[in-house]
Structures are given as structure tokens and as C-alpha cells.
Amino acid sequence: MPRVAYFFGISIYMYMDDHGVPHCHAVYGDYAGAFAIQSGELLSGQVPPQQVKKIKDFILANQSELMEKWDELSN
């Protein structure tokens, strides 16, 4: 499970055997959640609202790179 980014204490991961809609996983302390790459929305898990906003902003600003990584790991 490669960490693809780290900012403000938030780690962004992609799992090599994940299926479903393109998404990434965010970990912040004891919190974790899965976020859609297309919209940046929280799909599952629990993350404090301030960190949800930072994660969504990161995803939307880096969508094309995240999709490339998703495609690379999905194949």
C-alpha cells in the first residue's frame, strides 16, 4: 500500500488490490476514510471536518495524477 502523499499530518494511500470506484484512503491520527477521486467526497470512514476539506482540496487539485496512479495500480 504505497503512500502517495503526506500533508498537514494526513497520509494518502492507494491499495493495490482495491476495487470499485477510483478512490484513495486518508489517515489522520486515529481517523481513516476512503475518498472518491472524481469528487473528493468521503465514501466511508470517519475524518474530522477540517481534514475532510483539506483532503478534498488535495484530491481535486491532483485528480489527474491520482487517476494515473489508480490506473497503474489497478492493472
N, C-alpha and C. Protein backbone atom coordinates (compact mmCIF):
# COMPACT_ATOMS: atom_id res chain seq x y z
N MET A 1 0.84 -1.17 0.00
CA MET A 1 0.00 0.00 0.00
C MET A 1 0.89 1.23 0.00
N PRO A 2 1.14 1.78 -1.16
CA PRO A 2 2.04 2.93 -1.24
C PRO A 2 1.38 4.21 -0.74
N ARG A 3 2.16 4.97 0.02
CA ARG A 3 1.70 6.30 0.42
C ARG A 3 2.01 7.22 -0.74
N VAL A 4 1.00 7.89 -1.24
CA VAL A 4 1.19 8.75 -2.41
C VAL A 4 1.33 10.22 -2.04
N ALA A 5 0.96 10.59 -0.79
CA ALA A 5 1.10 11.98 -0.37
C ALA A 5 1.06 12.06 1.15
N TYR A 6 1.63 13.17 1.66
CA TYR A 6 1.58 13.45 3.09
C TYR A 6 1.55 14.96 3.26
N PHE A 7 0.56 15.48 3.98
CA PHE A 7 0.43 16.91 4.22
C PHE A 7 -0.41 17.15 5.47
N PHE A 8 -0.06 18.15 6.25
CA PHE A 8 -0.80 18.51 7.46
C PHE A 8 -1.10 17.31 8.36
N GLY A 9 -0.19 16.35 8.43
CA GLY A 9 -0.40 15.17 9.27
C GLY A 9 -1.33 14.14 8.65
N ILE A 10 -1.69 14.32 7.39
CA ILE A 10 -2.60 13.42 6.68
C ILE A 10 -1.79 12.60 5.68
N SER A 11 -1.96 11.28 5.74
CA SER A 11 -1.32 10.39 4.76
C SER A 11 -2.37 9.92 3.77
N ILE A 12 -2.02 9.94 2.49
CA ILE A 12 -2.91 9.46 1.42
C ILE A 12 -2.31 8.18 0.87
N TYR A 13 -3.12 7.12 0.85
CA TYR A 13 -2.67 5.81 0.38
C TYR A 13 -3.56 5.32 -0.75
N MET A 14 -3.00 4.42 -1.55
CA MET A 14 -3.76 3.65 -2.52
C MET A 14 -3.38 2.19 -2.32
N TYR A 15 -4.38 1.35 -2.25
CA TYR A 15 -4.16 -0.08 -2.06
C TYR A 15 -4.13 -0.76 -3.42
N MET A 16 -3.21 -1.68 -3.60
CA MET A 16 -3.03 -2.32 -4.89
C MET A 16 -4.16 -3.27 -5.26
N ASP A 17 -4.90 -3.79 -4.28
CA ASP A 17 -5.95 -4.76 -4.60
C ASP A 17 -7.35 -4.19 -4.40
N ASP A 18 -7.49 -2.85 -4.38
CA ASP A 18 -8.79 -2.23 -4.22
C ASP A 18 -9.61 -2.33 -5.50
N HIS A 19 -10.91 -2.39 -5.33
CA HIS A 19 -11.84 -2.43 -6.46
C HIS A 19 -12.88 -1.36 -6.25
N GLY A 20 -13.78 -1.22 -7.20
CA GLY A 20 -14.84 -0.24 -7.08
C GLY A 20 -14.47 1.06 -7.75
N VAL A 21 -15.16 2.13 -7.35
CA VAL A 21 -14.89 3.43 -7.95
C VAL A 21 -13.47 3.87 -7.60
N PRO A 22 -12.84 4.64 -8.47
CA PRO A 22 -11.50 5.14 -8.15
C PRO A 22 -11.53 5.95 -6.86
N HIS A 23 -10.67 5.57 -5.92
CA HIS A 23 -10.65 6.23 -4.62
C HIS A 23 -9.28 6.10 -3.99
N CYS A 24 -9.07 6.87 -2.94
CA CYS A 24 -7.85 6.77 -2.16
C CYS A 24 -8.26 6.75 -0.69
N HIS A 25 -7.32 6.37 0.14
CA HIS A 25 -7.56 6.28 1.58
C HIS A 25 -6.74 7.34 2.28
N ALA A 26 -7.36 8.01 3.24
CA ALA A 26 -6.67 9.03 4.02
C ALA A 26 -6.62 8.60 5.48
N VAL A 27 -5.48 8.82 6.11
CA VAL A 27 -5.31 8.51 7.52
C VAL A 27 -4.81 9.77 8.21
N TYR A 28 -5.50 10.12 9.29
CA TYR A 28 -5.13 11.28 10.09
C TYR A 28 -5.24 10.87 11.55
N GLY A 29 -4.12 10.62 12.19
CA GLY A 29 -4.14 10.14 13.58
C GLY A 29 -4.90 8.83 13.68
N ASP A 30 -5.93 8.81 14.52
CA ASP A 30 -6.76 7.61 14.69
C ASP A 30 -7.93 7.55 13.71
N TYR A 31 -8.02 8.52 12.80
CA TYR A 31 -9.12 8.58 11.84
C TYR A 31 -8.68 8.05 10.48
N ALA A 32 -9.64 7.48 9.76
CA ALA A 32 -9.35 6.98 8.41
C ALA A 32 -10.63 7.04 7.58
N GLY A 33 -10.46 7.25 6.28
CA GLY A 33 -11.61 7.27 5.39
C GLY A 33 -11.19 7.02 3.96
N ALA A 34 -12.17 6.62 3.15
CA ALA A 34 -11.96 6.44 1.72
C ALA A 34 -12.64 7.62 1.01
N PHE A 35 -11.94 8.18 0.02
CA PHE A 35 -12.43 9.35 -0.70
C PHE A 35 -12.45 9.09 -2.20
N ALA A 36 -13.53 9.49 -2.85
CA ALA A 36 -13.66 9.34 -4.31
C ALA A 36 -12.70 10.31 -5.00
N ILE A 37 -11.99 9.82 -6.00
CA ILE A 37 -11.06 10.67 -6.74
C ILE A 37 -11.83 11.65 -7.64
N GLN A 38 -12.94 11.23 -8.20
CA GLN A 38 -13.70 12.10 -9.11
C GLN A 38 -14.30 13.32 -8.42
N SER A 39 -14.77 13.16 -7.18
CA SER A 39 -15.46 14.25 -6.50
C SER A 39 -14.77 14.74 -5.23
N GLY A 40 -13.87 13.92 -4.67
CA GLY A 40 -13.24 14.25 -3.41
C GLY A 40 -14.11 13.97 -2.20
N GLU A 41 -15.29 13.40 -2.42
CA GLU A 41 -16.23 13.15 -1.33
C GLU A 41 -15.80 11.96 -0.48
N LEU A 42 -16.10 12.04 0.81
CA LEU A 42 -15.85 10.95 1.74
C LEU A 42 -16.83 9.82 1.45
N LEU A 43 -16.32 8.63 1.12
CA LEU A 43 -17.16 7.47 0.81
C LEU A 43 -17.46 6.63 2.03
N SER A 44 -16.47 6.49 2.89
CA SER A 44 -16.64 5.68 4.11
C SER A 44 -15.60 6.10 5.13
N GLY A 45 -15.86 5.76 6.37
CA GLY A 45 -14.93 6.08 7.44
C GLY A 45 -15.30 7.36 8.16
N GLN A 46 -14.42 7.76 9.06
CA GLN A 46 -14.63 8.97 9.84
C GLN A 46 -13.35 9.80 9.85
N VAL A 47 -13.50 11.07 9.47
CA VAL A 47 -12.39 12.02 9.45
C VAL A 47 -12.96 13.36 9.91
N PRO A 48 -12.24 14.10 10.76
CA PRO A 48 -12.74 15.40 11.22
C PRO A 48 -13.01 16.34 10.03
N PRO A 49 -14.03 17.18 10.16
CA PRO A 49 -14.44 18.07 9.05
C PRO A 49 -13.32 18.93 8.46
N GLN A 50 -12.44 19.48 9.30
CA GLN A 50 -11.34 20.31 8.77
C GLN A 50 -10.42 19.51 7.88
N GLN A 51 -10.14 18.26 8.26
CA GLN A 51 -9.27 17.42 7.46
C GLN A 51 -9.98 16.93 6.20
N VAL A 52 -11.29 16.70 6.29
CA VAL A 52 -12.06 16.31 5.09
C VAL A 52 -11.90 17.40 4.03
N LYS A 53 -12.01 18.66 4.43
CA LYS A 53 -11.86 19.76 3.46
C LYS A 53 -10.46 19.77 2.85
N LYS A 54 -9.44 19.60 3.67
CA LYS A 54 -8.06 19.59 3.15
C LYS A 54 -7.84 18.43 2.20
N ILE A 55 -8.38 17.27 2.54
CA ILE A 55 -8.23 16.08 1.69
C ILE A 55 -8.97 16.29 0.37
N LYS A 56 -10.20 16.79 0.44
CA LYS A 56 -10.97 17.05 -0.79
C LYS A 56 -10.24 18.05 -1.68
N ASP A 57 -9.73 19.13 -1.08
CA ASP A 57 -8.99 20.13 -1.87
C ASP A 57 -7.76 19.49 -2.53
N PHE A 58 -7.04 18.64 -1.79
CA PHE A 58 -5.87 17.96 -2.35
C PHE A 58 -6.27 17.06 -3.52
N ILE A 59 -7.32 16.27 -3.32
CA ILE A 59 -7.76 15.34 -4.37
C ILE A 59 -8.15 16.10 -5.63
N LEU A 60 -8.94 17.15 -5.48
CA LEU A 60 -9.40 17.90 -6.66
C LEU A 60 -8.24 18.61 -7.36
N ALA A 61 -7.24 19.04 -6.61
CA ALA A 61 -6.08 19.72 -7.21
C ALA A 61 -5.13 18.73 -7.89
N ASN A 62 -5.22 17.45 -7.53
CA ASN A 62 -4.29 16.44 -8.05
C ASN A 62 -5.01 15.27 -8.71
N GLN A 63 -6.21 15.53 -9.22
CA GLN A 63 -7.05 14.47 -9.77
C GLN A 63 -6.38 13.66 -10.87
N SER A 64 -5.75 14.32 -11.81
CA SER A 64 -5.17 13.57 -12.94
C SER A 64 -4.03 12.66 -12.47
N GLU A 65 -3.20 13.14 -11.56
CA GLU A 65 -2.10 12.31 -11.05
C GLU A 65 -2.65 11.13 -10.24
N LEU A 66 -3.68 11.38 -9.45
CA LEU A 66 -4.28 10.30 -8.67
C LEU A 66 -4.93 9.26 -9.56
N MET A 67 -5.57 9.69 -10.65
CA MET A 67 -6.18 8.74 -11.58
C MET A 67 -5.10 7.92 -12.29
N GLU A 68 -3.98 8.55 -12.64
CA GLU A 68 -2.88 7.81 -13.25
C GLU A 68 -2.37 6.73 -12.31
N LYS A 69 -2.21 7.08 -11.03
CA LYS A 69 -1.74 6.12 -10.03
C LYS A 69 -2.77 5.01 -9.85
N TRP A 70 -4.06 5.36 -9.82
CA TRP A 70 -5.13 4.37 -9.69
C TRP A 70 -5.06 3.37 -10.86
N ASP A 71 -4.95 3.89 -12.09
CA ASP A 71 -4.87 3.04 -13.27
C ASP A 71 -3.63 2.14 -13.22
N GLU A 72 -2.51 2.70 -12.80
CA GLU A 72 -1.27 1.93 -12.69
C GLU A 72 -1.41 0.78 -11.70
N LEU A 73 -1.99 1.04 -10.54
CA LEU A 73 -2.13 0.01 -9.51
C LEU A 73 -3.24 -0.98 -9.80
N SER A 74 -4.23 -0.57 -10.61
CA SER A 74 -5.35 -1.45 -10.93
C SER A 74 -4.98 -2.49 -11.99
N ASN A 75 -3.96 -2.22 -12.77
CA ASN A 75 -3.57 -3.14 -13.86
C ASN A 75 -2.61 -4.20 -13.41
